[in-house]
Amino acid sequence: MGGSGEVITFRELDERSNRLAHWLRAVGVGPGGSVAIMMENNPRFLEVLWAAQRSGLHYTAVNSHLSSGEAEYIVGNCGAQVLFGSHRLAGVLADVGDGLTRAMVDGVIPGWESYEEAVSGRPTTPIADECEGDFMLYSSGTTGRPKGIRRELTLAPMGEVRPAALGLMELLGIGDGNVYLCPAPLYHAAPLAWSMGAQRVGATVVVWRGSTRGSCWR
């Protein structure tokens, strides 16, 4: 792996995603709501996904290689109420999601608020109405526009949903003490589902961040 050396423990992931879940409720995103994430692989990505998952939301991971216009279509089409982005993609994100609540990691540009400031001081305990969400991702479509795949939310209590990826984890013997390496972008369905599935069963997830850096959740 690359040289960042950053490690995020399960406790830290739990606390950080709880803080963000509290912020989501504070800005008016309730169960059944929707958020979008457009980032390269970075240490905040999975905590955003878990915050949305435990808040009963649909969450759409947007391809970080899209143009502003392409990203704008998906963010609007998925019905996102909040858009999360990274400063690394500031040039593309500047005009995406105008009018939405927008939070940016590792820096800020006009029209966006600081992700780090948004979650600072929030409770690390679960929100009162914690429930299961689900991802909503996009296929290439057959009409010239990407097509969203939106499954109905169960809004079941957190931990009572059994994602399909867990069955594969068990079949392959992946569990507590194992390590899952994710070298692919988390905006793809399989890397996203497998990374979160591995974390559900207690496995360490090592995510490739870019050409020279990596991050580890364990």
Foldseek 3Di string as FASTA:
>chain_A
DFDPPAEAEPLNLLLLLQLVLVLCVVVPAAAAAEAEEAEFDDPCVVSPVVNQFFRNYAYAYDYNPDALVLQQVVRVVRRHQEYEYEPVSCVRCVPHPQPHAYEYDPDDDPPHHHPCVSSPPGGSDHDPQTFGYYYWYWDCDDPNHTDIDDDDTPRHHPPPDDDPLLVVCVVVVQAAPAEAEAADTCSDDVSVVNQVSSVVRRHKYKYRRDDRDIYIYD
